C-alpha atoms as a PDB file:
ATOM      1  CA  MET A   1       8.036  24.639   4.795  1.00  0.00           C
ATOM      2  CA  ASN A   2       7.477  25.831   8.221  1.00  0.00           C
ATOM      3  CA  SER A   3       6.538  23.553  11.198  1.00  0.00           C
ATOM      4  CA  GLN A   4       2.924  24.414  10.948  1.00  0.00           C
ATOM      5  CA  THR A   5       2.800  23.117   7.309  1.00  0.00           C
ATOM      6  CA  ILE A   6       4.603  19.981   8.340  1.00  0.00           C
ATOM      7  CA  LEU A   7       2.248  19.413  11.161  1.00  0.00           C
ATOM      8  CA  ILE A   8      -0.759  19.660   8.727  1.00  0.00           C
ATOM      9  CA  ALA A   9       0.873  17.499   6.110  1.00  0.00           C
ATOM     10  CA  GLY A  10       1.922  15.064   8.962  1.00  0.00           C
ATOM     11  CA  ALA A  11      -1.760  14.896  10.174  1.00  0.00           C
ATOM     12  CA  PHE A  12      -3.075  14.288   6.669  1.00  0.00           C
ATOM     13  CA  SER A  13      -0.254  11.589   6.130  1.00  0.00           C
ATOM     14  CA  VAL A  14      -1.255   9.697   9.290  1.00  0.00           C
ATOM     15  CA  ILE A  15      -4.934   9.461   7.992  1.00  0.00           C
ATOM     16  CA  ALA A  16      -3.821   8.612   4.420  1.00  0.00           C
ATOM     17  CA  TYR A  17      -1.228   5.870   5.511  1.00  0.00           C
ATOM     18  CA  ALA A  18      -3.803   4.473   7.917  1.00  0.00           C
ATOM     19  CA  LEU A  19      -6.577   4.233   5.170  1.00  0.00           C
ATOM     20  CA  VAL A  20      -4.128   2.629   2.671  1.00  0.00           C
ATOM     21  CA  SER A  21      -3.111   0.173   5.424  1.00  0.00           C
ATOM     22  CA  GLY A  22      -6.770  -0.763   6.253  1.00  0.00           C
ATOM     23  CA  VAL A  23      -7.511  -1.591   2.552  1.00  0.00           C
ATOM     24  CA  PHE A  24      -4.352  -3.850   2.397  1.00  0.00           C
ATOM     25  CA  LEU A  25      -5.288  -5.378   5.751  1.00  0.00           C
ATOM     26  CA  ALA A  26      -8.946  -6.179   4.529  1.00  0.00           C
ATOM     27  CA  PHE A  27      -7.389  -7.852   1.434  1.00  0.00           C
ATOM     28  CA  SER A  28      -4.830 -10.013   3.299  1.00  0.00           C
ATOM     29  CA  GLY A  29      -7.302 -10.877   5.992  1.00  0.00           C
ATOM     30  CA  VAL A  30     -10.584 -11.221   4.321  1.00  0.00           C
ATOM     31  CA  VAL A  31     -10.652 -10.794   0.517  1.00  0.00           C
ATOM     32  CA  MET A  32      -7.830 -13.085  -0.530  1.00  0.00           C
ATOM     33  CA  PRO A  33      -8.792 -15.949   1.889  1.00  0.00           C
ATOM     34  CA  SER A  34     -12.405 -15.642   0.533  1.00  0.00           C
ATOM     35  CA  LEU A  35     -11.243 -15.899  -2.884  1.00  0.00           C
ATOM     36  CA  ALA A  36      -8.964 -18.688  -2.089  1.00  0.00           C
ATOM     37  CA  ALA A  37     -11.877 -20.659  -0.863  1.00  0.00           C
ATOM     38  CA  SER A  38     -13.858 -20.093  -3.986  1.00  0.00           C
ATOM     39  CA  SER A  39     -13.448 -21.925  -7.370  1.00  0.00           C
ATOM     40  CA  PRO A  40     -10.344 -20.711  -9.246  1.00  0.00           C
ATOM     41  CA  THR A  41     -12.431 -19.713 -12.201  1.00  0.00           C
ATOM     42  CA  GLY A  42     -14.807 -17.507 -10.125  1.00  0.00           C
ATOM     43  CA  ALA A  43     -12.015 -16.150  -8.006  1.00  0.00           C
ATOM     44  CA  ILE A  44      -9.781 -15.303 -10.978  1.00  0.00           C
ATOM     45  CA  GLN A  45     -12.779 -13.442 -12.583  1.00  0.00           C
ATOM     46  CA  SER A  46     -13.405 -11.603  -9.341  1.00  0.00           C
ATOM     47  CA  MET A  47      -9.896 -10.622  -8.872  1.00  0.00           C
ATOM     48  CA  GLN A  48      -9.600  -9.469 -12.500  1.00  0.00           C
ATOM     49  CA  ILE A  49     -12.651  -7.215 -11.781  1.00  0.00           C
ATOM     50  CA  ILE A  50     -11.348  -5.931  -8.533  1.00  0.00           C
ATOM     51  CA  ASN A  51      -8.110  -5.007 -10.258  1.00  0.00           C
ATOM     52  CA  ARG A  52      -9.979  -3.008 -12.955  1.00  0.00           C
ATOM     53  CA  LYS A  53     -12.360  -1.315 -10.579  1.00  0.00           C
ATOM     54  CA  VAL A  54      -9.663  -0.106  -8.069  1.00  0.00           C
ATOM     55  CA  PHE A  55      -8.246   2.466 -10.454  1.00  0.00           C
ATOM     56  CA  PRO A  56     -10.998   5.221 -10.178  1.00  0.00           C
ATOM     57  CA  THR A  57     -11.161   5.081  -6.260  1.00  0.00           C
ATOM     58  CA  LEU A  58     -10.167   7.160  -3.505  1.00  0.00           C
ATOM     59  CA  PHE A  59      -7.817   4.409  -2.545  1.00  0.00           C
ATOM     60  CA  MET A  60      -5.662   4.812  -5.633  1.00  0.00           C
ATOM     61  CA  VAL A  61      -5.529   8.628  -4.940  1.00  0.00           C
ATOM     62  CA  LEU A  62      -4.214   7.942  -1.529  1.00  0.00           C
ATOM     63  CA  LEU A  63      -1.839   5.048  -2.586  1.00  0.00           C
ATOM     64  CA  ILE A  64      -0.369   7.060  -5.347  1.00  0.00           C
ATOM     65  CA  GLY A  65      -0.578  10.338  -3.563  1.00  0.00           C
ATOM     66  CA  MET A  66       1.345   9.160  -0.648  1.00  0.00           C
ATOM     67  CA  ALA A  67       3.957   7.664  -3.103  1.00  0.00           C
ATOM     68  CA  VAL A  68       4.542  11.435  -4.046  1.00  0.00           C
ATOM     69  CA  VAL A  69       4.196  12.900  -0.633  1.00  0.00           C
ATOM     70  CA  SER A  70       6.489  10.464   1.076  1.00  0.00           C
ATOM     71  CA  PRO A  71       9.691  11.174  -0.878  1.00  0.00           C
ATOM     72  CA  LEU A  72       8.812  14.896  -0.636  1.00  0.00           C
ATOM     73  CA  LEU A  73       8.655  14.650   3.381  1.00  0.00           C
ATOM     74  CA  VAL A  74      11.821  12.569   3.415  1.00  0.00           C
ATOM     75  CA  GLY A  75      13.580  15.096   1.275  1.00  0.00           C
ATOM     76  CA  TRP A  76      12.387  17.975   3.240  1.00  0.00           C
ATOM     77  CA  VAL A  77      13.775  16.431   6.447  1.00  0.00           C
ATOM     78  CA  LEU A  78      17.065  15.619   4.803  1.00  0.00           C
ATOM     79  CA  TRP A  79      17.483  19.115   3.458  1.00  0.00           C
ATOM     80  CA  GLN A  80      15.893  21.121   6.315  1.00  0.00           C
ATOM     81  CA  GLY A  81      15.802  18.796   9.272  1.00  0.00           C
ATOM     82  CA  ALA A  82      12.809  18.525  11.600  1.00  0.00           C
ATOM     83  CA  GLY A  83      14.211  18.422  14.835  1.00  0.00           C
ATOM     84  CA  PRO A  84      13.064  15.527  16.992  1.00  0.00           C
ATOM     85  CA  ALA A  85      10.256  14.715  14.565  1.00  0.00           C
ATOM     86  CA  GLY A  86      12.754  14.180  11.716  1.00  0.00           C
ATOM     87  CA  PRO A  87      13.717  10.508  12.559  1.00  0.00           C
ATOM     88  CA  TRP A  88       9.914   9.671  12.709  1.00  0.00           C
ATOM     89  CA  ILE A  89       9.149  11.410   9.443  1.00  0.00           C
ATOM     90  CA  LEU A  90      12.215   9.608   7.763  1.00  0.00           C
ATOM     91  CA  ALA A  91      10.896   6.330   9.092  1.00  0.00           C
ATOM     92  CA  ALA A  92       7.308   6.929   8.063  1.00  0.00           C
ATOM     93  CA  GLY A  93       8.260   8.011   4.347  1.00  0.00           C
ATOM     94  CA  SER A  94      10.951   5.328   3.919  1.00  0.00           C
ATOM     95  CA  SER A  95       8.651   2.665   5.210  1.00  0.00           C
ATOM     96  CA  TYR A  96       5.997   3.762   2.629  1.00  0.00           C
ATOM     97  CA  ILE A  97       8.380   4.209  -0.254  1.00  0.00           C
ATOM     98  CA  VAL A  98      10.039   0.745   0.139  1.00  0.00           C
ATOM     99  CA  GLY A  99       7.392  -1.364   1.763  1.00  0.00           C
ATOM    100  CA  VAL A 100       4.404  -0.026  -0.152  1.00  0.00           C
ATOM    101  CA  PHE A 101       5.321   1.720  -3.383  1.00  0.00           C
ATOM    102  CA  ILE A 102       8.365  -0.377  -4.465  1.00  0.00           C
ATOM    103  CA  VAL A 103       6.728  -3.738  -3.285  1.00  0.00           C
ATOM    104  CA  SER A 104       3.680  -2.788  -5.328  1.00  0.00           C
ATOM    105  CA  LEU A 105       5.675  -1.977  -8.433  1.00  0.00           C
ATOM    106  CA  VAL A 106       7.955  -5.080  -8.208  1.00  0.00           C
ATOM    107  CA  PHE A 107       5.590  -7.684  -6.884  1.00  0.00           C
ATOM    108  CA  ASN A 108       1.680  -7.110  -6.761  1.00  0.00           C
ATOM    109  CA  VAL A 109       1.242  -5.103  -9.863  1.00  0.00           C
ATOM    110  CA  PRO A 110       3.187  -7.434 -12.150  1.00  0.00           C
ATOM    111  CA  MET A 111       1.246 -10.353 -10.719  1.00  0.00           C
ATOM    112  CA  ASN A 112      -2.009  -8.602 -11.225  1.00  0.00           C
ATOM    113  CA  GLU A 113      -1.124  -7.659 -14.807  1.00  0.00           C
ATOM    114  CA  ARG A 114      -0.285 -11.396 -15.515  1.00  0.00           C
ATOM    115  CA  LEU A 115      -3.539 -12.549 -14.094  1.00  0.00           C
ATOM    116  CA  HIS A 116      -5.385  -9.827 -16.101  1.00  0.00           C
ATOM    117  CA  ARG A 117      -4.078 -11.351 -19.319  1.00  0.00           C
ATOM    118  CA  MET A 118      -5.297 -14.968 -18.567  1.00  0.00           C
ATOM    119  CA  ASP A 119      -8.400 -16.696 -19.457  1.00  0.00           C
ATOM    120  CA  PRO A 120      -9.941 -17.485 -16.068  1.00  0.00           C
ATOM    121  CA  GLN A 121     -11.182 -20.910 -17.269  1.00  0.00           C
ATOM    122  CA  GLY A 122      -7.986 -22.173 -18.584  1.00  0.00           C
ATOM    123  CA  ALA A 123      -5.608 -24.507 -17.023  1.00  0.00           C
ATOM    124  CA  ILE A 124      -2.635 -22.175 -17.093  1.00  0.00           C
ATOM    125  CA  ALA A 125      -4.849 -19.622 -15.001  1.00  0.00           C
ATOM    126  CA  ASP A 126      -5.790 -22.351 -12.518  1.00  0.00           C
ATOM    127  CA  ALA A 127      -2.176 -23.292 -12.011  1.00  0.00           C
ATOM    128  CA  TYR A 128      -1.130 -19.631 -11.762  1.00  0.00           C
ATOM    129  CA  TRP A 129      -3.957 -18.867  -9.255  1.00  0.00           C
ATOM    130  CA  ARG A 130      -2.624 -21.502  -6.877  1.00  0.00           C
ATOM    131  CA  ARG A 131       0.711 -19.703  -6.744  1.00  0.00           C
ATOM    132  CA  TYR A 132      -0.838 -16.151  -7.172  1.00  0.00           C
ATOM    133  CA  VAL A 133      -2.894 -16.283  -3.804  1.00  0.00           C
ATOM    134  CA  PRO A 134      -0.067 -17.085  -1.457  1.00  0.00           C
ATOM    135  CA  GLY A 135       2.490 -14.948  -3.231  1.00  0.00           C
ATOM    136  CA  TRP A 136       0.272 -11.885  -3.732  1.00  0.00           C
ATOM    137  CA  THR A 137      -1.065 -12.141  -0.235  1.00  0.00           C
ATOM    138  CA  PHE A 138       2.447 -12.331   1.300  1.00  0.00           C
ATOM    139  CA  TRP A 139       3.586  -9.107  -0.600  1.00  0.00           C
ATOM    140  CA  ASN A 140       0.228  -7.470   0.203  1.00  0.00           C
ATOM    141  CA  THR A 141       0.757  -8.158   3.884  1.00  0.00           C
ATOM    142  CA  ILE A 142       4.283  -6.568   3.602  1.00  0.00           C
ATOM    143  CA  ARG A 143       2.279  -3.559   2.170  1.00  0.00           C
ATOM    144  CA  TRP A 144      -0.200  -3.339   4.997  1.00  0.00           C
ATOM    145  CA  VAL A 145       2.396  -3.767   7.719  1.00  0.00           C
ATOM    146  CA  ALA A 146       4.489  -1.061   6.060  1.00  0.00           C
ATOM    147  CA  SER A 147       1.756   1.370   5.630  1.00  0.00           C
ATOM    148  CA  ALA A 148       0.717   0.889   9.254  1.00  0.00           C
ATOM    149  CA  ILE A 149       4.351   1.466  10.286  1.00  0.00           C
ATOM    150  CA  SER A 150       4.241   4.606   8.229  1.00  0.00           C
ATOM    151  CA  ALA A 151       1.067   5.674   9.946  1.00  0.00           C
ATOM    152  CA  ALA A 152       2.420   5.013  13.406  1.00  0.00           C
ATOM    153  CA  CYS A 153       5.762   6.767  12.863  1.00  0.00           C
ATOM    154  CA  MET A 154       4.071   9.787  11.348  1.00  0.00           C
ATOM    155  CA  LEU A 155       1.644   9.991  14.346  1.00  0.00           C
ATOM    156  CA  MET A 156       4.793   9.976  16.525  1.00  0.00           C
ATOM    157  CA  ALA A 157       6.175  12.896  14.397  1.00  0.00           C
ATOM    158  CA  VAL A 158       2.944  14.882  14.631  1.00  0.00           C
ATOM    159  CA  LEU A 159       2.920  14.309  18.499  1.00  0.00           C
ATOM    160  CA  THR A 160       6.532  15.435  18.654  1.00  0.00           C
ATOM    161  CA  LEU A 161       5.752  18.570  16.528  1.00  0.00           C
ATOM    162  CA  SER A 162       2.522  19.496  18.524  1.00  0.00           C
END
């Protein structure tokens, strides 16, 4: 890849990382506190619906797309180098891979899958919900911070390249 291609990929990545971060921020700052203030049954039903409705969205395209693009960018820097932009690209990609993709796979997705299988009106679901909200929100906050770091680092890379 030439530097013009990396510049274009970097600019797209800044936007994608920032959009992903914004969705995660909205969940940690507004959605989860709102659901936590609701009745457990209604909140569980709402989260189950959210978790089903999220799949056919642009958010998922960006979330998964950047999980593919980030390692490619990191690999490109490790293989070809990128001059002064290289460390910024490595930081952006690594932050996303670890702080967003791996955290999602190891923490948030399994918690969502477990919640999905529960009867929202059951005592087990009620008890799980009380652990789910703070745990899920903690890991989601890691995701929004990591994707914001990715956006900022990639912006620095783009500014370095231009």
